[in-house]
Amino acid sequence: MNIESQDKLLNYRVIGNGHPVLFLHVFLESISMWDYLPLNELNVQVIKIDLPGHGASACLTNEPPSMQEMAKEVLNVVAELNLELFSIVGHSMGGYVALEVQALSSNCEKVVLLNSNFWSDAPEKQKDRKRIAQIVQTSKNLFLNEAIPNLFTDPMKCEKAIKDLLAEAKGLSSDGIAYASIAMANRVDFSDKIHQSKMNISVIQGEIDRIVPMEKMDIEICADVSYYKLPQTGHMSHIENPLGAMAALKEIFENKKRKF
């Protein structure tokens, strides 16, 4: 099965058959990020979605910006595709949206946080995200030229990928970037629900991720959460360590009949 969205708020693409898994990308990227991973090897139905204001998806305009509003648009895709039970793999910002989806829908069986986390931002980080929302209105390209290379552990080793990401990100609207940045600053903390086993998640963590430090994840994570650490890997594991990321995803989704 291959389906592409037509004239909808969120652009998406459906590939294959099996247990439906939504793939939600990182801030400043799009469904193209998943091209670095051979997702066809997972034996699931792959549903790649451009989040609001990213890729070919329209911006949201509600105030205040929120992850929950982005999650509601993802659930509109779920409804359009008539999905009963599904899981989500969310990279960084995509993970934040995925947690909101699971909170809103009992049909979301599992969330995989790929280089993502489940706690809210510290006050200084919140201020920084809101400052970014202002900067991109006048100096978008300057911000992107600084921000995207800093996502990588060793930018020199990933020059081609960084060049491609910059080219795509510069096509995003300032309003879409600003909305997402403020929405991340405003996101809620899911730590209590996860510690109380009220949410079903797995975590794939880069050991040298500067954006989501492993040291903090080691403290915050609870024993009943499946936890995969990728050595010598930063925040962009799909590019820096695709073999490791795929190995973790295969283990998570290896048994299609398993009740997550």
C-alpha atoms as a PDB file:
ATOM      1  CA  MET A   1       0.000   0.000   0.000  1.00  0.00           C
ATOM      2  CA  ASN A   2       1.261   3.458  -0.946  1.00  0.00           C
ATOM      3  CA  ILE A   3      -0.888   6.500  -0.100  1.00  0.00           C
ATOM      4  CA  GLU A   4      -0.068  10.201  -0.173  1.00  0.00           C
ATOM      5  CA  SER A   5      -2.249  12.909   1.347  1.00  0.00           C
ATOM      6  CA  GLN A   6      -4.226  15.235  -0.888  1.00  0.00           C
ATOM      7  CA  ASP A   7      -5.263  18.785   0.069  1.00  0.00           C
ATOM      8  CA  LYS A   8      -5.056  18.185   3.837  1.00  0.00           C
ATOM      9  CA  LEU A   9      -3.456  20.282   6.564  1.00  0.00           C
ATOM     10  CA  LEU A  10      -0.788  17.642   7.239  1.00  0.00           C
ATOM     11  CA  ASN A  11       1.195  16.072   4.445  1.00  0.00           C
ATOM     12  CA  TYR A  12       1.781  12.358   4.933  1.00  0.00           C
ATOM     13  CA  ARG A  13       2.787   9.193   3.135  1.00  0.00           C
ATOM     14  CA  VAL A  14       1.757   5.608   3.856  1.00  0.00           C
ATOM     15  CA  ILE A  15       4.004   2.732   2.806  1.00  0.00           C
ATOM     16  CA  GLY A  16       3.439  -0.993   3.202  1.00  0.00           C
ATOM     17  CA  ASN A  17       1.163  -3.049   5.408  1.00  0.00           C
ATOM     18  CA  GLY A  18       1.164  -4.384   8.941  1.00  0.00           C
ATOM     19  CA  HIS A  19       0.917  -2.734  12.351  1.00  0.00           C
ATOM     20  CA  PRO A  20       0.604   1.038  11.656  1.00  0.00           C
ATOM     21  CA  VAL A  21       3.505   3.088  12.994  1.00  0.00           C
ATOM     22  CA  LEU A  22       3.526   6.871  12.670  1.00  0.00           C
ATOM     23  CA  PHE A  23       6.936   8.478  12.195  1.00  0.00           C
ATOM     24  CA  LEU A  24       7.155  12.062  13.473  1.00  0.00           C
ATOM     25  CA  HIS A  25      10.239  14.094  12.646  1.00  0.00           C
ATOM     26  CA  VAL A  26      12.485  16.466  14.532  1.00  0.00           C
ATOM     27  CA  PHE A  27      12.208  20.296  14.648  1.00  0.00           C
ATOM     28  CA  LEU A  28      13.259  21.959  11.350  1.00  0.00           C
ATOM     29  CA  GLU A  29      13.012  18.719   9.338  1.00  0.00           C
ATOM     30  CA  SER A  30      10.303  16.760   7.513  1.00  0.00           C
ATOM     31  CA  ILE A  31       9.388  13.237   6.444  1.00  0.00           C
ATOM     32  CA  SER A  32      12.579  13.257   4.374  1.00  0.00           C
ATOM     33  CA  MET A  33      14.585  12.598   7.575  1.00  0.00           C
ATOM     34  CA  TRP A  34      13.359   9.004   7.560  1.00  0.00           C
ATOM     35  CA  ASP A  35      15.054   8.364   4.207  1.00  0.00           C
ATOM     36  CA  TYR A  36      18.256   7.728   6.173  1.00  0.00           C
ATOM     37  CA  LEU A  37      16.714   4.596   7.710  1.00  0.00           C
ATOM     38  CA  PRO A  38      15.562   1.429   5.849  1.00  0.00           C
ATOM     39  CA  LEU A  39      12.178   1.441   7.560  1.00  0.00           C
ATOM     40  CA  ASN A  40      10.884  -1.242   5.198  1.00  0.00           C
ATOM     41  CA  GLU A  41      12.945  -3.724   7.234  1.00  0.00           C
ATOM     42  CA  LEU A  42      10.675  -3.217  10.269  1.00  0.00           C
ATOM     43  CA  ASN A  43       7.752  -5.167   8.758  1.00  0.00           C
ATOM     44  CA  VAL A  44       5.254  -2.522   9.840  1.00  0.00           C
ATOM     45  CA  GLN A  45       3.068  -0.085   7.968  1.00  0.00           C
ATOM     46  CA  VAL A  46       5.133   3.098   7.803  1.00  0.00           C
ATOM     47  CA  ILE A  47       3.182   6.365   8.031  1.00  0.00           C
ATOM     48  CA  LYS A  48       5.454   9.385   7.694  1.00  0.00           C
ATOM     49  CA  ILE A  49       3.865  12.711   8.655  1.00  0.00           C
ATOM     50  CA  ASP A  50       5.027  16.295   8.148  1.00  0.00           C
ATOM     51  CA  LEU A  51       4.188  18.117  11.372  1.00  0.00           C
ATOM     52  CA  PRO A  52       2.499  21.562  11.190  1.00  0.00           C
ATOM     53  CA  GLY A  53       4.678  24.234   9.615  1.00  0.00           C
ATOM     54  CA  HIS A  54       7.217  21.678   8.388  1.00  0.00           C
ATOM     55  CA  GLY A  55       7.759  19.966   5.059  1.00  0.00           C
ATOM     56  CA  ALA A  56       4.599  20.335   2.955  1.00  0.00           C
ATOM     57  CA  SER A  57       2.251  20.817   5.931  1.00  0.00           C
ATOM     58  CA  ALA A  58       0.494  24.085   6.656  1.00  0.00           C
ATOM     59  CA  CYS A  59       1.159  26.146   9.768  1.00  0.00           C
ATOM     60  CA  LEU A  60      -1.127  26.263  12.765  1.00  0.00           C
ATOM     61  CA  THR A  61      -2.281  29.666  13.942  1.00  0.00           C
ATOM     62  CA  ASN A  62      -3.951  29.009  17.301  1.00  0.00           C
ATOM     63  CA  GLU A  63      -2.708  30.803  20.398  1.00  0.00           C
ATOM     64  CA  PRO A  64      -0.946  29.858  22.519  1.00  0.00           C
ATOM     65  CA  PRO A  65       1.039  27.402  20.400  1.00  0.00           C
ATOM     66  CA  SER A  66       0.988  23.913  21.875  1.00  0.00           C
ATOM     67  CA  MET A  67       2.139  20.347  21.313  1.00  0.00           C
ATOM     68  CA  GLN A  68      -1.422  19.233  22.004  1.00  0.00           C
ATOM     69  CA  GLU A  69      -2.765  21.165  19.024  1.00  0.00           C
ATOM     70  CA  MET A  70      -0.099  19.567  16.841  1.00  0.00           C
ATOM     71  CA  ALA A  71      -1.085  16.170  18.254  1.00  0.00           C
ATOM     72  CA  LYS A  72      -4.735  16.789  17.377  1.00  0.00           C
ATOM     73  CA  GLU A  73      -3.734  17.296  13.745  1.00  0.00           C
ATOM     74  CA  VAL A  74      -1.828  14.001  13.827  1.00  0.00           C
ATOM     75  CA  LEU A  75      -4.970  12.339  15.176  1.00  0.00           C
ATOM     76  CA  ASN A  76      -6.888  13.796  12.225  1.00  0.00           C
ATOM     77  CA  VAL A  77      -4.559  11.773   9.994  1.00  0.00           C
ATOM     78  CA  VAL A  78      -5.204   8.697  12.144  1.00  0.00           C
ATOM     79  CA  ALA A  79      -8.955   9.238  11.719  1.00  0.00           C
ATOM     80  CA  GLU A  80      -8.638   9.810   7.984  1.00  0.00           C
ATOM     81  CA  LEU A  81      -6.762   6.523   7.607  1.00  0.00           C
ATOM     82  CA  ASN A  82      -9.277   4.717   9.867  1.00  0.00           C
ATOM     83  CA  LEU A  83      -6.514   3.365  12.094  1.00  0.00           C
ATOM     84  CA  GLU A  84      -7.711   1.428  15.101  1.00  0.00           C
ATOM     85  CA  LEU A  85      -4.482   0.634  16.935  1.00  0.00           C
ATOM     86  CA  PHE A  86      -1.167   2.277  16.116  1.00  0.00           C
ATOM     87  CA  SER A  87       2.250   3.148  17.540  1.00  0.00           C
ATOM     88  CA  ILE A  88       4.510   6.178  17.071  1.00  0.00           C
ATOM     89  CA  VAL A  89       8.227   6.759  16.640  1.00  0.00           C
ATOM     90  CA  GLY A  90       8.995  10.396  17.403  1.00  0.00           C
ATOM     91  CA  HIS A  91      12.384  12.046  17.001  1.00  0.00           C
ATOM     92  CA  SER A  92      13.002  14.930  19.425  1.00  0.00           C
ATOM     93  CA  MET A  93      10.056  17.330  18.814  1.00  0.00           C
ATOM     94  CA  GLY A  94       8.219  14.446  17.184  1.00  0.00           C
ATOM     95  CA  GLY A  95       8.499  12.594  20.492  1.00  0.00           C
ATOM     96  CA  TYR A  96       6.897  15.503  22.340  1.00  0.00           C
ATOM     97  CA  VAL A  97       3.959  15.389  19.929  1.00  0.00           C
ATOM     98  CA  ALA A  98       3.788  11.590  20.243  1.00  0.00           C
ATOM     99  CA  LEU A  99       3.382  11.787  24.025  1.00  0.00           C
ATOM    100  CA  GLU A 100       0.453  14.161  23.571  1.00  0.00           C
ATOM    101  CA  VAL A 101      -1.101  11.786  21.030  1.00  0.00           C
ATOM    102  CA  GLN A 102      -0.866   8.882  23.478  1.00  0.00           C
ATOM    103  CA  ALA A 103      -2.381  11.042  26.218  1.00  0.00           C
ATOM    104  CA  LEU A 104      -5.300  11.913  23.923  1.00  0.00           C
ATOM    105  CA  SER A 105      -5.908   8.499  22.362  1.00  0.00           C
ATOM    106  CA  SER A 106      -6.159   5.072  23.974  1.00  0.00           C
ATOM    107  CA  ASN A 107      -5.603   3.606  20.491  1.00  0.00           C
ATOM    108  CA  CYS A 108      -1.952   4.655  20.611  1.00  0.00           C
ATOM    109  CA  GLU A 109      -0.338   1.472  21.882  1.00  0.00           C
ATOM    110  CA  LYS A 110       3.283   2.553  22.148  1.00  0.00           C
ATOM    111  CA  VAL A 111       5.517   5.585  21.784  1.00  0.00           C
ATOM    112  CA  VAL A 112       9.201   5.272  20.900  1.00  0.00           C
ATOM    113  CA  LEU A 113      11.179   8.360  21.908  1.00  0.00           C
ATOM    114  CA  LEU A 114      14.124   8.632  19.525  1.00  0.00           C
ATOM    115  CA  ASN A 115      16.582  11.257  20.817  1.00  0.00           C
ATOM    116  CA  SER A 116      13.677  12.751  22.716  1.00  0.00           C
ATOM    117  CA  ASN A 117      12.478  13.048  26.316  1.00  0.00           C
ATOM    118  CA  PHE A 118       9.363  13.226  28.480  1.00  0.00           C
ATOM    119  CA  TRP A 119      10.087  16.138  30.827  1.00  0.00           C
ATOM    120  CA  SER A 120       9.371  19.841  30.337  1.00  0.00           C
ATOM    121  CA  ASP A 121      11.955  22.527  29.660  1.00  0.00           C
ATOM    122  CA  ALA A 122      13.760  24.339  32.430  1.00  0.00           C
ATOM    123  CA  PRO A 123      12.855  28.065  32.648  1.00  0.00           C
ATOM    124  CA  GLU A 124      16.035  29.176  30.873  1.00  0.00           C
ATOM    125  CA  LYS A 125      15.404  26.755  28.008  1.00  0.00           C
ATOM    126  CA  GLN A 126      11.841  28.018  27.720  1.00  0.00           C
ATOM    127  CA  LYS A 127      13.137  31.574  27.402  1.00  0.00           C
ATOM    128  CA  ASP A 128      15.630  30.456  24.757  1.00  0.00           C
ATOM    129  CA  ARG A 129      12.923  28.803  22.655  1.00  0.00           C
ATOM    130  CA  LYS A 130      10.746  31.915  22.822  1.00  0.00           C
ATOM    131  CA  ARG A 131      13.750  34.044  21.878  1.00  0.00           C
ATOM    132  CA  ILE A 132      14.255  31.798  18.825  1.00  0.00           C
ATOM    133  CA  ALA A 133      10.648  32.465  17.808  1.00  0.00           C
ATOM    134  CA  GLN A 134      11.475  36.161  17.670  1.00  0.00           C
ATOM    135  CA  ILE A 135      14.855  35.758  15.955  1.00  0.00           C
ATOM    136  CA  VAL A 136      13.506  33.726  13.019  1.00  0.00           C
ATOM    137  CA  GLN A 137      11.125  36.524  12.082  1.00  0.00           C
ATOM    138  CA  THR A 138      14.050  38.720  11.048  1.00  0.00           C
ATOM    139  CA  SER A 139      17.105  36.427  10.820  1.00  0.00           C
ATOM    140  CA  LYS A 140      15.829  32.964   9.906  1.00  0.00           C
ATOM    141  CA  ASN A 141      18.785  31.878   7.790  1.00  0.00           C
ATOM    142  CA  LEU A 142      21.306  33.109  10.343  1.00  0.00           C
ATOM    143  CA  PHE A 143      19.567  31.044  13.021  1.00  0.00           C
ATOM    144  CA  LEU A 144      19.447  27.945  10.812  1.00  0.00           C
ATOM    145  CA  ASN A 145      23.115  28.243   9.844  1.00  0.00           C
ATOM    146  CA  GLU A 146      24.028  28.121  13.531  1.00  0.00           C
ATOM    147  CA  ALA A 147      21.384  25.723  14.848  1.00  0.00           C
ATOM    148  CA  ILE A 148      21.523  22.807  12.418  1.00  0.00           C
ATOM    149  CA  PRO A 149      25.273  22.068  12.552  1.00  0.00           C
ATOM    150  CA  ASN A 150      25.045  22.187  16.363  1.00  0.00           C
ATOM    151  CA  LEU A 151      22.660  19.224  16.293  1.00  0.00           C
ATOM    152  CA  PHE A 152      25.555  16.987  15.249  1.00  0.00           C
ATOM    153  CA  THR A 153      28.337  15.617  17.419  1.00  0.00           C
ATOM    154  CA  ASP A 154      30.896  16.137  14.642  1.00  0.00           C
ATOM    155  CA  PRO A 155      29.545  18.455  11.918  1.00  0.00           C
ATOM    156  CA  MET A 156      32.651  17.883   9.774  1.00  0.00           C
ATOM    157  CA  LYS A 157      31.693  14.226   9.313  1.00  0.00           C
ATOM    158  CA  CYS A 158      28.151  15.116   8.231  1.00  0.00           C
ATOM    159  CA  GLU A 159      28.712  18.034   5.858  1.00  0.00           C
ATOM    160  CA  LYS A 160      26.528  16.615   3.061  1.00  0.00           C
ATOM    161  CA  ALA A 161      23.637  15.910   5.423  1.00  0.00           C
ATOM    162  CA  ILE A 162      23.926  19.359   7.001  1.00  0.00           C
ATOM    163  CA  LYS A 163      23.925  21.011   3.577  1.00  0.00           C
ATOM    164  CA  ASP A 164      20.757  19.115   2.615  1.00  0.00           C
ATOM    165  CA  LEU A 165      19.041  19.888   5.921  1.00  0.00           C
ATOM    166  CA  LEU A 166      19.865  23.581   5.610  1.00  0.00           C
ATOM    167  CA  ALA A 167      18.501  23.730   2.085  1.00  0.00           C
ATOM    168  CA  GLU A 168      15.224  22.180   3.225  1.00  0.00           C
ATOM    169  CA  ALA A 169      14.933  24.170   6.452  1.00  0.00           C
ATOM    170  CA  LYS A 170      15.452  27.479   4.656  1.00  0.00           C
ATOM    171  CA  GLY A 171      12.256  26.728   2.764  1.00  0.00           C
ATOM    172  CA  LEU A 172      10.233  26.655   5.985  1.00  0.00           C
ATOM    173  CA  SER A 173       8.224  29.701   6.950  1.00  0.00           C
ATOM    174  CA  SER A 174       9.351  31.791   9.894  1.00  0.00           C
ATOM    175  CA  ASP A 175       5.851  31.472  11.351  1.00  0.00           C
ATOM    176  CA  GLY A 176       6.015  27.678  11.257  1.00  0.00           C
ATOM    177  CA  ILE A 177       9.405  27.611  12.979  1.00  0.00           C
ATOM    178  CA  ALA A 178       8.264  30.149  15.588  1.00  0.00           C
ATOM    179  CA  TYR A 179       5.068  28.239  16.340  1.00  0.00           C
ATOM    180  CA  ALA A 180       6.927  24.972  16.891  1.00  0.00           C
ATOM    181  CA  SER A 181       9.584  26.607  19.060  1.00  0.00           C
ATOM    182  CA  ILE A 182       7.018  28.208  21.372  1.00  0.00           C
ATOM    183  CA  ALA A 183       4.948  25.014  21.445  1.00  0.00           C
ATOM    184  CA  MET A 184       8.019  23.112  22.664  1.00  0.00           C
ATOM    185  CA  ALA A 185       8.599  25.737  25.353  1.00  0.00           C
ATOM    186  CA  ASN A 186       4.977  25.368  26.472  1.00  0.00           C
ATOM    187  CA  ARG A 187       4.898  21.566  26.564  1.00  0.00           C
ATOM    188  CA  VAL A 188       3.748  19.710  29.650  1.00  0.00           C
ATOM    189  CA  ASP A 189       5.789  17.321  31.779  1.00  0.00           C
ATOM    190  CA  PHE A 190       4.873  13.638  31.407  1.00  0.00           C
ATOM    191  CA  SER A 191       7.361  12.371  33.990  1.00  0.00           C
ATOM    192  CA  ASP A 192       4.751  11.496  36.632  1.00  0.00           C
ATOM    193  CA  LYS A 193       2.593   9.523  34.198  1.00  0.00           C
ATOM    194  CA  ILE A 194       5.589   7.581  32.943  1.00  0.00           C
ATOM    195  CA  HIS A 195       6.895   6.869  36.451  1.00  0.00           C
ATOM    196  CA  GLN A 196       3.407   5.625  37.370  1.00  0.00           C
ATOM    197  CA  SER A 197       3.434   3.328  34.278  1.00  0.00           C
ATOM    198  CA  LYS A 198       0.423   5.134  32.798  1.00  0.00           C
ATOM    199  CA  MET A 199       2.155   5.523  29.424  1.00  0.00           C
ATOM    200  CA  ASN A 200       3.808   2.851  27.287  1.00  0.00           C
ATOM    201  CA  ILE A 201       7.116   4.137  25.954  1.00  0.00           C
ATOM    202  CA  SER A 202      10.545   2.995  24.821  1.00  0.00           C
ATOM    203  CA  VAL A 203      13.586   5.275  24.668  1.00  0.00           C
ATOM    204  CA  ILE A 204      16.449   5.263  22.155  1.00  0.00           C
ATOM    205  CA  GLN A 205      19.197   7.513  23.500  1.00  0.00           C
ATOM    206  CA  GLY A 206      22.437   8.763  21.985  1.00  0.00           C
ATOM    207  CA  GLU A 207      25.212   8.441  24.551  1.00  0.00           C
ATOM    208  CA  ILE A 208      26.734  11.791  23.554  1.00  0.00           C
ATOM    209  CA  ASP A 209      23.506  13.636  22.745  1.00  0.00           C
ATOM    210  CA  ARG A 210      23.991  17.272  23.799  1.00  0.00           C
ATOM    211  CA  ILE A 211      20.308  18.139  23.315  1.00  0.00           C
ATOM    212  CA  VAL A 212      18.975  15.248  25.417  1.00  0.00           C
ATOM    213  CA  PRO A 213      21.839  14.403  27.799  1.00  0.00           C
ATOM    214  CA  MET A 214      22.153  10.714  28.651  1.00  0.00           C
ATOM    215  CA  GLU A 215      23.107  11.626  32.222  1.00  0.00           C
ATOM    216  CA  LYS A 216      19.682  13.223  32.769  1.00  0.00           C
ATOM    217  CA  MET A 217      17.855  10.385  31.005  1.00  0.00           C
ATOM    218  CA  ASP A 218      19.639   7.863  33.240  1.00  0.00           C
ATOM    219  CA  ILE A 219      18.223   9.677  36.269  1.00  0.00           C
ATOM    220  CA  GLU A 220      14.723  10.343  34.963  1.00  0.00           C
ATOM    221  CA  ILE A 221      13.933   7.015  33.283  1.00  0.00           C
ATOM    222  CA  CYS A 222      12.192   4.250  35.253  1.00  0.00           C
ATOM    223  CA  ALA A 223      13.050   0.569  35.361  1.00  0.00           C
ATOM    224  CA  ASP A 224      10.075  -0.729  33.366  1.00  0.00           C
ATOM    225  CA  VAL A 225      10.839   1.421  30.300  1.00  0.00           C
ATOM    226  CA  SER A 226      12.838  -0.325  27.562  1.00  0.00           C
ATOM    227  CA  TYR A 227      15.972   1.798  27.165  1.00  0.00           C
ATOM    228  CA  TYR A 228      18.452   1.579  24.285  1.00  0.00           C
ATOM    229  CA  LYS A 229      21.735   3.495  24.382  1.00  0.00           C
ATOM    230  CA  LEU A 230      23.578   4.155  21.123  1.00  0.00           C
ATOM    231  CA  PRO A 231      27.361   4.520  21.618  1.00  0.00           C
ATOM    232  CA  GLN A 232      29.241   7.385  19.981  1.00  0.00           C
ATOM    233  CA  THR A 233      25.928   8.866  18.873  1.00  0.00           C
ATOM    234  CA  GLY A 234      24.538  12.359  19.341  1.00  0.00           C
ATOM    235  CA  HIS A 235      21.128  13.878  18.696  1.00  0.00           C
ATOM    236  CA  MET A 236      20.888  12.926  15.028  1.00  0.00           C
ATOM    237  CA  SER A 237      21.061   9.157  15.413  1.00  0.00           C
ATOM    238  CA  HIS A 238      19.272   8.505  12.107  1.00  0.00           C
ATOM    239  CA  ILE A 239      22.268  10.086  10.364  1.00  0.00           C
ATOM    240  CA  GLU A 240      25.115   9.525  12.841  1.00  0.00           C
ATOM    241  CA  ASN A 241      24.283   5.891  13.675  1.00  0.00           C
ATOM    242  CA  PRO A 242      21.536   4.518  11.419  1.00  0.00           C
ATOM    243  CA  LEU A 243      22.578   0.895  12.052  1.00  0.00           C
ATOM    244  CA  GLY A 244      22.228   1.348  15.809  1.00  0.00           C
ATOM    245  CA  ALA A 245      18.919   3.168  15.504  1.00  0.00           C
ATOM    246  CA  MET A 246      17.533   0.454  13.223  1.00  0.00           C
ATOM    247  CA  ALA A 247      18.741  -2.332  15.520  1.00  0.00           C
ATOM    248  CA  ALA A 248      16.828  -0.771  18.418  1.00  0.00           C
ATOM    249  CA  LEU A 249      13.692  -0.232  16.320  1.00  0.00           C
ATOM    250  CA  LYS A 250      13.818  -3.814  15.046  1.00  0.00           C
ATOM    251  CA  GLU A 251      14.005  -5.136  18.583  1.00  0.00           C
ATOM    252  CA  ILE A 252      11.055  -2.977  19.624  1.00  0.00           C
ATOM    253  CA  PHE A 253       8.905  -3.993  16.655  1.00  0.00           C
ATOM    254  CA  GLU A 254      10.339  -7.470  16.045  1.00  0.00           C
ATOM    255  CA  ASN A 255       7.168  -9.329  16.996  1.00  0.00           C
ATOM    256  CA  LYS A 256       4.291  -7.863  15.014  1.00  0.00           C
ATOM    257  CA  LYS A 257       1.790  -9.935  16.997  1.00  0.00           C
ATOM    258  CA  ARG A 258       3.061  -8.696  20.343  1.00  0.00           C
ATOM    259  CA  LYS A 259       0.665  -6.592  22.392  1.00  0.00           C
ATOM    260  CA  PHE A 260       2.763  -3.526  23.163  1.00  0.00           C
END
